[in-house]
Amino acid sequence: MIRITKIFTFETAHVLYNYDGKCKNMHGHSYKLFVTVKGNPINNLDDTKNGMVMDFGDLKAIVNSQIVNEWDHAVMLNGNSPHKILGETLEKDGHKVIYCDFQPTCENMLYEIASKIKNNLPSEIQLAYLKLNETENSYGEWFAEDQI
């Protein structure tokens, strides 16, 4: 079994409802997402992907379509909180808003990312690991073996 990793970057703002620190204000981050998948390299000379676990371009297409293109330069907020009104105001002014059903923290974003990627991987490929840097020195991690 081999693991391969592709790194992605995107800019997203978020609003944390009922948070008690200075990050209670709407603010953004330059996120860096590490996506690691695992599988066995293809061993078939007639296969155009011979020797690969998964084509990096195919992984890029999945992550870009499910996460980066959706979340880049958007504002994430919990649609179940009073911040929904803020989101509606922002949308009226032409801003891209993502309504989550969770508090849009790094931790919860990892669960959402894992779900979206796993649902779009080929059956023979498994999501193994995610790392989401919120800042240069703050990040969360998701490990497949930790999931129940």
N, C-alpha and C. Protein backbone atom coordinates (compact mmCIF):
# COMPACT_ATOMS: atom_id res chain seq x y z
N MET A 1 0.86 -1.18 0.00
CA MET A 1 0.00 0.00 0.00
C MET A 1 0.90 1.23 0.00
N ILE A 2 0.57 2.19 -0.85
CA ILE A 2 1.33 3.44 -0.99
C ILE A 2 0.40 4.61 -0.73
N ARG A 3 0.94 5.63 -0.10
CA ARG A 3 0.20 6.87 0.14
C ARG A 3 0.77 7.96 -0.77
N ILE A 4 -0.10 8.75 -1.35
CA ILE A 4 0.32 9.92 -2.12
C ILE A 4 -0.41 11.14 -1.57
N THR A 5 0.23 12.29 -1.66
CA THR A 5 -0.33 13.53 -1.10
C THR A 5 -0.28 14.64 -2.12
N LYS A 6 -1.34 15.40 -2.18
CA LYS A 6 -1.42 16.61 -3.00
C LYS A 6 -1.80 17.76 -2.06
N ILE A 7 -1.23 18.93 -2.32
CA ILE A 7 -1.44 20.10 -1.47
C ILE A 7 -2.25 21.14 -2.25
N PHE A 8 -3.21 21.75 -1.57
CA PHE A 8 -4.10 22.75 -2.17
C PHE A 8 -4.11 24.00 -1.29
N THR A 9 -4.37 25.14 -1.90
CA THR A 9 -4.52 26.38 -1.14
C THR A 9 -5.80 27.08 -1.58
N PHE A 10 -6.43 27.75 -0.63
CA PHE A 10 -7.62 28.54 -0.93
C PHE A 10 -7.80 29.59 0.15
N GLU A 11 -8.51 30.63 -0.18
CA GLU A 11 -8.78 31.75 0.73
C GLU A 11 -10.25 31.71 1.11
N THR A 12 -10.51 31.62 2.40
CA THR A 12 -11.89 31.57 2.86
C THR A 12 -12.04 32.37 4.15
N ALA A 13 -13.15 33.07 4.25
CA ALA A 13 -13.48 33.78 5.49
C ALA A 13 -14.49 32.94 6.26
N HIS A 14 -14.54 33.15 7.56
CA HIS A 14 -15.57 32.49 8.34
C HIS A 14 -16.00 33.39 9.50
N VAL A 15 -17.19 33.07 10.02
CA VAL A 15 -17.75 33.77 11.16
C VAL A 15 -18.11 32.70 12.18
N LEU A 16 -17.58 32.83 13.39
CA LEU A 16 -17.82 31.85 14.45
C LEU A 16 -18.87 32.40 15.41
N TYR A 17 -20.04 31.79 15.39
CA TYR A 17 -21.12 32.25 16.24
C TYR A 17 -20.84 31.95 17.71
N ASN A 18 -21.06 32.94 18.56
CA ASN A 18 -20.98 32.80 20.01
C ASN A 18 -19.57 32.49 20.52
N TYR A 19 -18.57 32.76 19.71
CA TYR A 19 -17.18 32.55 20.14
C TYR A 19 -16.77 33.69 21.06
N ASP A 20 -15.90 33.40 22.04
CA ASP A 20 -15.58 34.41 23.05
C ASP A 20 -14.21 35.07 22.88
N GLY A 21 -13.54 34.84 21.77
CA GLY A 21 -12.24 35.47 21.54
C GLY A 21 -12.31 36.48 20.43
N LYS A 22 -11.14 37.04 20.06
CA LYS A 22 -11.15 38.07 19.02
C LYS A 22 -11.53 37.52 17.65
N CYS A 23 -11.45 36.21 17.48
CA CYS A 23 -11.86 35.61 16.21
C CYS A 23 -13.39 35.52 16.08
N LYS A 24 -14.11 36.15 17.01
CA LYS A 24 -15.57 36.20 16.87
C LYS A 24 -15.94 37.12 15.70
N ASN A 25 -15.03 38.00 15.33
CA ASN A 25 -15.26 38.87 14.18
C ASN A 25 -15.02 38.11 12.88
N MET A 26 -15.78 38.45 11.84
CA MET A 26 -15.56 37.82 10.56
C MET A 26 -14.10 38.05 10.15
N HIS A 27 -13.44 37.00 9.71
CA HIS A 27 -12.05 37.09 9.30
C HIS A 27 -11.75 35.96 8.33
N GLY A 28 -10.64 36.08 7.64
CA GLY A 28 -10.29 35.07 6.65
C GLY A 28 -8.94 34.45 6.89
N HIS A 29 -8.72 33.35 6.18
CA HIS A 29 -7.46 32.62 6.28
C HIS A 29 -7.00 32.21 4.90
N SER A 30 -5.71 32.05 4.77
CA SER A 30 -5.11 31.41 3.60
C SER A 30 -4.90 29.95 3.99
N TYR A 31 -5.88 29.13 3.69
CA TYR A 31 -5.83 27.72 4.08
C TYR A 31 -4.89 26.94 3.18
N LYS A 32 -4.21 25.98 3.79
CA LYS A 32 -3.40 25.03 3.04
C LYS A 32 -3.90 23.64 3.43
N LEU A 33 -4.35 22.89 2.42
CA LEU A 33 -4.95 21.58 2.64
C LEU A 33 -4.05 20.50 2.05
N PHE A 34 -3.68 19.53 2.89
CA PHE A 34 -2.90 18.37 2.47
C PHE A 34 -3.87 17.20 2.39
N VAL A 35 -3.94 16.56 1.23
CA VAL A 35 -4.84 15.43 1.03
C VAL A 35 -4.00 14.20 0.70
N THR A 36 -4.10 13.18 1.55
CA THR A 36 -3.35 11.94 1.35
C THR A 36 -4.33 10.80 1.11
N VAL A 37 -4.11 10.10 0.02
CA VAL A 37 -4.90 8.91 -0.29
C VAL A 37 -3.96 7.71 -0.34
N LYS A 38 -4.55 6.51 -0.23
CA LYS A 38 -3.71 5.32 -0.28
C LYS A 38 -4.36 4.25 -1.14
N GLY A 39 -3.49 3.42 -1.69
CA GLY A 39 -3.93 2.32 -2.54
C GLY A 39 -2.72 1.58 -3.06
N ASN A 40 -2.96 0.62 -3.90
CA ASN A 40 -1.88 -0.12 -4.53
C ASN A 40 -1.63 0.43 -5.92
N PRO A 41 -0.37 0.64 -6.29
CA PRO A 41 -0.08 1.10 -7.65
C PRO A 41 -0.60 0.10 -8.68
N ILE A 42 -1.12 0.62 -9.74
CA ILE A 42 -1.62 -0.22 -10.84
C ILE A 42 -0.43 -0.96 -11.45
N ASN A 43 -0.60 -2.23 -11.69
CA ASN A 43 0.46 -3.05 -12.26
C ASN A 43 -0.07 -3.69 -13.54
N ASN A 44 -0.17 -2.86 -14.58
CA ASN A 44 -0.71 -3.32 -15.85
C ASN A 44 -0.13 -2.44 -16.95
N LEU A 45 0.75 -3.00 -17.76
CA LEU A 45 1.41 -2.23 -18.81
C LEU A 45 0.44 -1.60 -19.79
N ASP A 46 -0.74 -2.17 -19.93
CA ASP A 46 -1.73 -1.64 -20.88
C ASP A 46 -2.56 -0.50 -20.29
N ASP A 47 -2.44 -0.26 -18.98
CA ASP A 47 -3.19 0.80 -18.32
C ASP A 47 -2.40 2.10 -18.41
N THR A 48 -3.04 3.15 -18.86
CA THR A 48 -2.35 4.44 -18.99
C THR A 48 -1.89 5.01 -17.66
N LYS A 49 -2.41 4.49 -16.56
CA LYS A 49 -2.02 4.94 -15.22
C LYS A 49 -1.11 3.91 -14.55
N ASN A 50 -0.48 3.05 -15.32
CA ASN A 50 0.39 2.01 -14.78
C ASN A 50 1.44 2.61 -13.85
N GLY A 51 1.59 1.99 -12.67
CA GLY A 51 2.57 2.44 -11.69
C GLY A 51 2.05 3.49 -10.73
N MET A 52 0.85 3.95 -10.94
CA MET A 52 0.28 5.00 -10.09
C MET A 52 -0.76 4.42 -9.13
N VAL A 53 -0.81 4.98 -7.93
CA VAL A 53 -1.93 4.70 -7.03
C VAL A 53 -3.16 5.41 -7.59
N MET A 54 -2.95 6.67 -7.93
CA MET A 54 -4.00 7.52 -8.51
C MET A 54 -3.29 8.65 -9.22
N ASP A 55 -3.78 9.03 -10.35
CA ASP A 55 -3.20 10.16 -11.06
C ASP A 55 -3.39 11.42 -10.21
N PHE A 56 -2.31 12.17 -9.96
CA PHE A 56 -2.42 13.41 -9.18
C PHE A 56 -3.44 14.36 -9.81
N GLY A 57 -3.54 14.35 -11.12
CA GLY A 57 -4.51 15.21 -11.80
C GLY A 57 -5.94 14.83 -11.47
N ASP A 58 -6.20 13.53 -11.32
CA ASP A 58 -7.54 13.08 -10.95
C ASP A 58 -7.87 13.49 -9.52
N LEU A 59 -6.89 13.36 -8.63
CA LEU A 59 -7.10 13.80 -7.24
C LEU A 59 -7.34 15.31 -7.20
N LYS A 60 -6.55 16.03 -7.97
CA LYS A 60 -6.72 17.49 -8.04
C LYS A 60 -8.12 17.85 -8.51
N ALA A 61 -8.61 17.17 -9.52
CA ALA A 61 -9.95 17.46 -10.05
C ALA A 61 -11.03 17.24 -8.98
N ILE A 62 -10.89 16.16 -8.20
CA ILE A 62 -11.88 15.87 -7.16
C ILE A 62 -11.86 16.96 -6.09
N VAL A 63 -10.67 17.27 -5.58
CA VAL A 63 -10.57 18.23 -4.48
C VAL A 63 -10.96 19.63 -4.96
N ASN A 64 -10.56 19.98 -6.16
CA ASN A 64 -10.94 21.31 -6.67
C ASN A 64 -12.45 21.41 -6.83
N SER A 65 -13.08 20.38 -7.38
CA SER A 65 -14.54 20.48 -7.62
C SER A 65 -15.33 20.44 -6.32
N GLN A 66 -14.88 19.68 -5.34
CA GLN A 66 -15.64 19.50 -4.11
C GLN A 66 -15.33 20.54 -3.03
N ILE A 67 -14.11 21.08 -3.02
CA ILE A 67 -13.69 21.98 -1.94
C ILE A 67 -13.21 23.32 -2.47
N VAL A 68 -12.11 23.32 -3.17
CA VAL A 68 -11.43 24.58 -3.53
C VAL A 68 -12.34 25.51 -4.33
N ASN A 69 -12.94 25.02 -5.40
CA ASN A 69 -13.78 25.89 -6.23
C ASN A 69 -15.00 26.39 -5.48
N GLU A 70 -15.49 25.60 -4.53
CA GLU A 70 -16.67 25.98 -3.74
C GLU A 70 -16.32 26.96 -2.62
N TRP A 71 -15.22 26.71 -1.95
CA TRP A 71 -14.89 27.46 -0.73
C TRP A 71 -13.99 28.66 -0.97
N ASP A 72 -13.26 28.69 -2.06
CA ASP A 72 -12.30 29.77 -2.29
C ASP A 72 -13.02 31.12 -2.41
N HIS A 73 -12.55 32.08 -1.68
CA HIS A 73 -13.08 33.44 -1.66
C HIS A 73 -14.57 33.48 -1.32
N ALA A 74 -14.95 32.63 -0.36
CA ALA A 74 -16.32 32.62 0.15
C ALA A 74 -16.28 32.93 1.64
N VAL A 75 -17.45 33.21 2.17
CA VAL A 75 -17.62 33.38 3.61
C VAL A 75 -18.42 32.19 4.11
N MET A 76 -17.87 31.47 5.09
CA MET A 76 -18.58 30.33 5.69
C MET A 76 -19.19 30.76 7.01
N LEU A 77 -20.44 30.35 7.21
CA LEU A 77 -21.08 30.61 8.49
C LEU A 77 -22.10 29.52 8.77
N ASN A 78 -22.43 29.40 10.04
CA ASN A 78 -23.39 28.39 10.45
C ASN A 78 -24.79 28.87 10.10
N GLY A 79 -25.41 28.19 9.15
CA GLY A 79 -26.74 28.58 8.69
C GLY A 79 -27.83 28.35 9.72
N ASN A 80 -27.51 27.62 10.79
CA ASN A 80 -28.47 27.37 11.86
C ASN A 80 -28.38 28.41 12.97
N SER A 81 -27.48 29.37 12.82
CA SER A 81 -27.26 30.40 13.84
C SER A 81 -27.88 31.72 13.37
N PRO A 82 -27.94 32.70 14.25
CA PRO A 82 -28.42 34.02 13.84
C PRO A 82 -27.54 34.68 12.77
N HIS A 83 -26.37 34.13 12.52
CA HIS A 83 -25.51 34.68 11.46
C HIS A 83 -26.11 34.47 10.07
N LYS A 84 -27.14 33.66 9.98
CA LYS A 84 -27.80 33.46 8.68
C LYS A 84 -28.26 34.80 8.11
N ILE A 85 -28.69 35.69 8.97
CA ILE A 85 -29.13 37.02 8.52
C ILE A 85 -27.95 37.77 7.91
N LEU A 86 -26.79 37.68 8.54
CA LEU A 86 -25.58 38.30 7.99
C LEU A 86 -25.27 37.72 6.62
N GLY A 87 -25.38 36.41 6.49
CA GLY A 87 -25.13 35.76 5.19
C GLY A 87 -26.07 36.25 4.11
N GLU A 88 -27.32 36.39 4.45
CA GLU A 88 -28.31 36.87 3.47
C GLU A 88 -27.99 38.29 3.03
N THR A 89 -27.55 39.12 3.96
CA THR A 89 -27.16 40.49 3.63
C THR A 89 -25.95 40.49 2.70
N LEU A 90 -24.97 39.66 3.02
CA LEU A 90 -23.77 39.56 2.18
C LEU A 90 -24.12 39.07 0.78
N GLU A 91 -25.00 38.08 0.70
CA GLU A 91 -25.41 37.56 -0.61
C GLU A 91 -26.10 38.64 -1.44
N LYS A 92 -26.94 39.43 -0.80
CA LYS A 92 -27.63 40.52 -1.53
C LYS A 92 -26.63 41.50 -2.12
N ASP A 93 -25.49 41.64 -1.45
CA ASP A 93 -24.44 42.54 -1.94
C ASP A 93 -23.48 41.85 -2.90
N GLY A 94 -23.81 40.61 -3.30
CA GLY A 94 -23.03 39.91 -4.31
C GLY A 94 -21.89 39.06 -3.79
N HIS A 95 -21.85 38.81 -2.48
CA HIS A 95 -20.79 37.99 -1.92
C HIS A 95 -21.15 36.51 -1.95
N LYS A 96 -20.13 35.68 -2.02
CA LYS A 96 -20.28 34.23 -2.03
C LYS A 96 -20.35 33.74 -0.58
N VAL A 97 -21.46 33.13 -0.22
CA VAL A 97 -21.68 32.67 1.15
C VAL A 97 -21.96 31.18 1.14
N ILE A 98 -21.32 30.48 2.08
CA ILE A 98 -21.56 29.05 2.27
C ILE A 98 -22.21 28.88 3.64
N TYR A 99 -23.43 28.33 3.64
CA TYR A 99 -24.15 28.07 4.89
C TYR A 99 -23.85 26.64 5.31
N CYS A 100 -23.17 26.50 6.43
CA CYS A 100 -22.84 25.18 6.99
C CYS A 100 -23.90 24.80 8.00
N ASP A 101 -23.97 23.52 8.30
CA ASP A 101 -24.83 23.09 9.40
C ASP A 101 -23.97 22.78 10.63
N PHE A 102 -22.81 23.45 10.68
CA PHE A 102 -21.86 23.29 11.78
C PHE A 102 -21.12 24.61 11.99
N GLN A 103 -20.47 24.74 13.13
CA GLN A 103 -19.60 25.89 13.39
C GLN A 103 -18.38 25.74 12.46
N PRO A 104 -18.12 26.72 11.59
CA PRO A 104 -17.06 26.56 10.58
C PRO A 104 -15.64 26.74 11.13
N THR A 105 -15.29 25.85 12.06
CA THR A 105 -13.94 25.81 12.59
C THR A 105 -13.07 24.91 11.72
N CYS A 106 -11.79 25.01 11.88
CA CYS A 106 -10.86 24.14 11.18
C CYS A 106 -11.22 22.68 11.41
N GLU A 107 -11.54 22.35 12.65
CA GLU A 107 -11.87 20.97 13.01
C GLU A 107 -13.08 20.46 12.25
N ASN A 108 -14.15 21.23 12.27
CA ASN A 108 -15.37 20.80 11.58
C ASN A 108 -15.22 20.84 10.07
N MET A 109 -14.43 21.78 9.58
CA MET A 109 -14.17 21.82 8.14
C MET A 109 -13.48 20.54 7.69
N LEU A 110 -12.60 19.98 8.52
CA LEU A 110 -11.93 18.72 8.17
C LEU A 110 -12.93 17.58 8.02
N TYR A 111 -13.91 17.50 8.91
CA TYR A 111 -14.94 16.47 8.76
C TYR A 111 -15.69 16.63 7.43
N GLU A 112 -16.02 17.86 7.10
CA GLU A 112 -16.74 18.12 5.85
C GLU A 112 -15.88 17.78 4.63
N ILE A 113 -14.63 18.18 4.67
CA ILE A 113 -13.70 17.87 3.57
C ILE A 113 -13.58 16.36 3.40
N ALA A 114 -13.39 15.65 4.51
CA ALA A 114 -13.25 14.19 4.43
C ALA A 114 -14.47 13.56 3.79
N SER A 115 -15.64 13.98 4.20
CA SER A 115 -16.88 13.42 3.64
C SER A 115 -16.98 13.66 2.14
N LYS A 116 -16.70 14.88 1.73
CA LYS A 116 -16.82 15.24 0.31
C LYS A 116 -15.81 14.48 -0.55
N ILE A 117 -14.58 14.35 -0.06
CA ILE A 117 -13.56 13.66 -0.85
C ILE A 117 -13.83 12.16 -0.89
N LYS A 118 -14.12 11.55 0.26
CA LYS A 118 -14.37 10.10 0.30
C LYS A 118 -15.49 9.70 -0.65
N ASN A 119 -16.51 10.51 -0.74
CA ASN A 119 -17.66 10.19 -1.60
C ASN A 119 -17.35 10.26 -3.09
N ASN A 120 -16.18 10.79 -3.44
CA ASN A 120 -15.85 10.97 -4.85
C ASN A 120 -14.60 10.22 -5.30
N LEU A 121 -13.99 9.47 -4.39
CA LEU A 121 -12.80 8.69 -4.76
C LEU A 121 -13.21 7.39 -5.44
N PRO A 122 -12.36 6.89 -6.35
CA PRO A 122 -12.60 5.56 -6.91
C PRO A 122 -12.63 4.52 -5.78
N SER A 123 -13.36 3.45 -5.97
CA SER A 123 -13.58 2.46 -4.90
C SER A 123 -12.29 1.83 -4.39
N GLU A 124 -11.28 1.74 -5.22
CA GLU A 124 -10.02 1.10 -4.81
C GLU A 124 -9.07 2.06 -4.10
N ILE A 125 -9.46 3.32 -3.97
CA ILE A 125 -8.62 4.34 -3.32
C ILE A 125 -9.28 4.75 -2.01
N GLN A 126 -8.48 4.90 -0.96
CA GLN A 126 -9.00 5.30 0.35
C GLN A 126 -8.40 6.63 0.78
N LEU A 127 -9.22 7.46 1.38
CA LEU A 127 -8.71 8.68 2.00
C LEU A 127 -7.99 8.27 3.27
N ALA A 128 -6.73 8.68 3.42
CA ALA A 128 -5.92 8.25 4.56
C ALA A 128 -5.71 9.37 5.57
N TYR A 129 -5.56 10.61 5.08
CA TYR A 129 -5.12 11.68 5.97
C TYR A 129 -5.46 13.03 5.35
N LEU A 130 -5.82 13.97 6.22
CA LEU A 130 -6.00 15.37 5.84
C LEU A 130 -5.30 16.24 6.87
N LYS A 131 -4.72 17.31 6.40
CA LYS A 131 -4.15 18.33 7.29
C LYS A 131 -4.63 19.67 6.73
N LEU A 132 -5.20 20.49 7.59
CA LEU A 132 -5.69 21.79 7.17
C LEU A 132 -5.01 22.87 8.00
N ASN A 133 -4.10 23.60 7.38
CA ASN A 133 -3.46 24.74 8.02
C ASN A 133 -4.40 25.93 7.94
N GLU A 134 -4.74 26.48 9.10
CA GLU A 134 -5.54 27.69 9.14
C GLU A 134 -4.61 28.90 9.09
N THR A 135 -3.49 28.78 9.73
CA THR A 135 -2.43 29.79 9.68
C THR A 135 -1.12 29.03 9.46
N GLU A 136 -0.04 29.76 9.40
CA GLU A 136 1.26 29.12 9.19
C GLU A 136 1.61 28.14 10.31
N ASN A 137 1.16 28.43 11.52
CA ASN A 137 1.55 27.58 12.64
C ASN A 137 0.36 26.99 13.41
N SER A 138 -0.82 26.96 12.81
CA SER A 138 -2.00 26.35 13.44
C SER A 138 -2.72 25.49 12.42
N TYR A 139 -2.96 24.23 12.78
CA TYR A 139 -3.61 23.33 11.85
C TYR A 139 -4.35 22.23 12.58
N GLY A 140 -5.25 21.58 11.85
CA GLY A 140 -5.95 20.41 12.34
C GLY A 140 -5.62 19.23 11.44
N GLU A 141 -5.78 18.03 11.99
CA GLU A 141 -5.50 16.82 11.23
C GLU A 141 -6.66 15.83 11.35
N TRP A 142 -6.88 15.08 10.28
CA TRP A 142 -7.89 14.03 10.23
C TRP A 142 -7.16 12.77 9.77
N PHE A 143 -7.28 11.70 10.55
CA PHE A 143 -6.68 10.41 10.21
C PHE A 143 -7.78 9.39 10.01
N ALA A 144 -7.72 8.64 8.94
CA ALA A 144 -8.74 7.62 8.67
C ALA A 144 -8.84 6.62 9.80
N GLU A 145 -7.68 6.22 10.35
CA GLU A 145 -7.72 5.18 11.39
C GLU A 145 -8.35 5.65 12.69
N ASP A 146 -8.54 6.97 12.85
CA ASP A 146 -9.19 7.49 14.05
C ASP A 146 -10.71 7.53 13.94
N GLN A 147 -11.22 7.27 12.76
CA GLN A 147 -12.67 7.39 12.51
C GLN A 147 -13.35 6.08 12.86
N ILE A 148 -14.52 6.20 13.43
CA ILE A 148 -15.29 5.01 13.83
C ILE A 148 -16.29 4.67 12.76
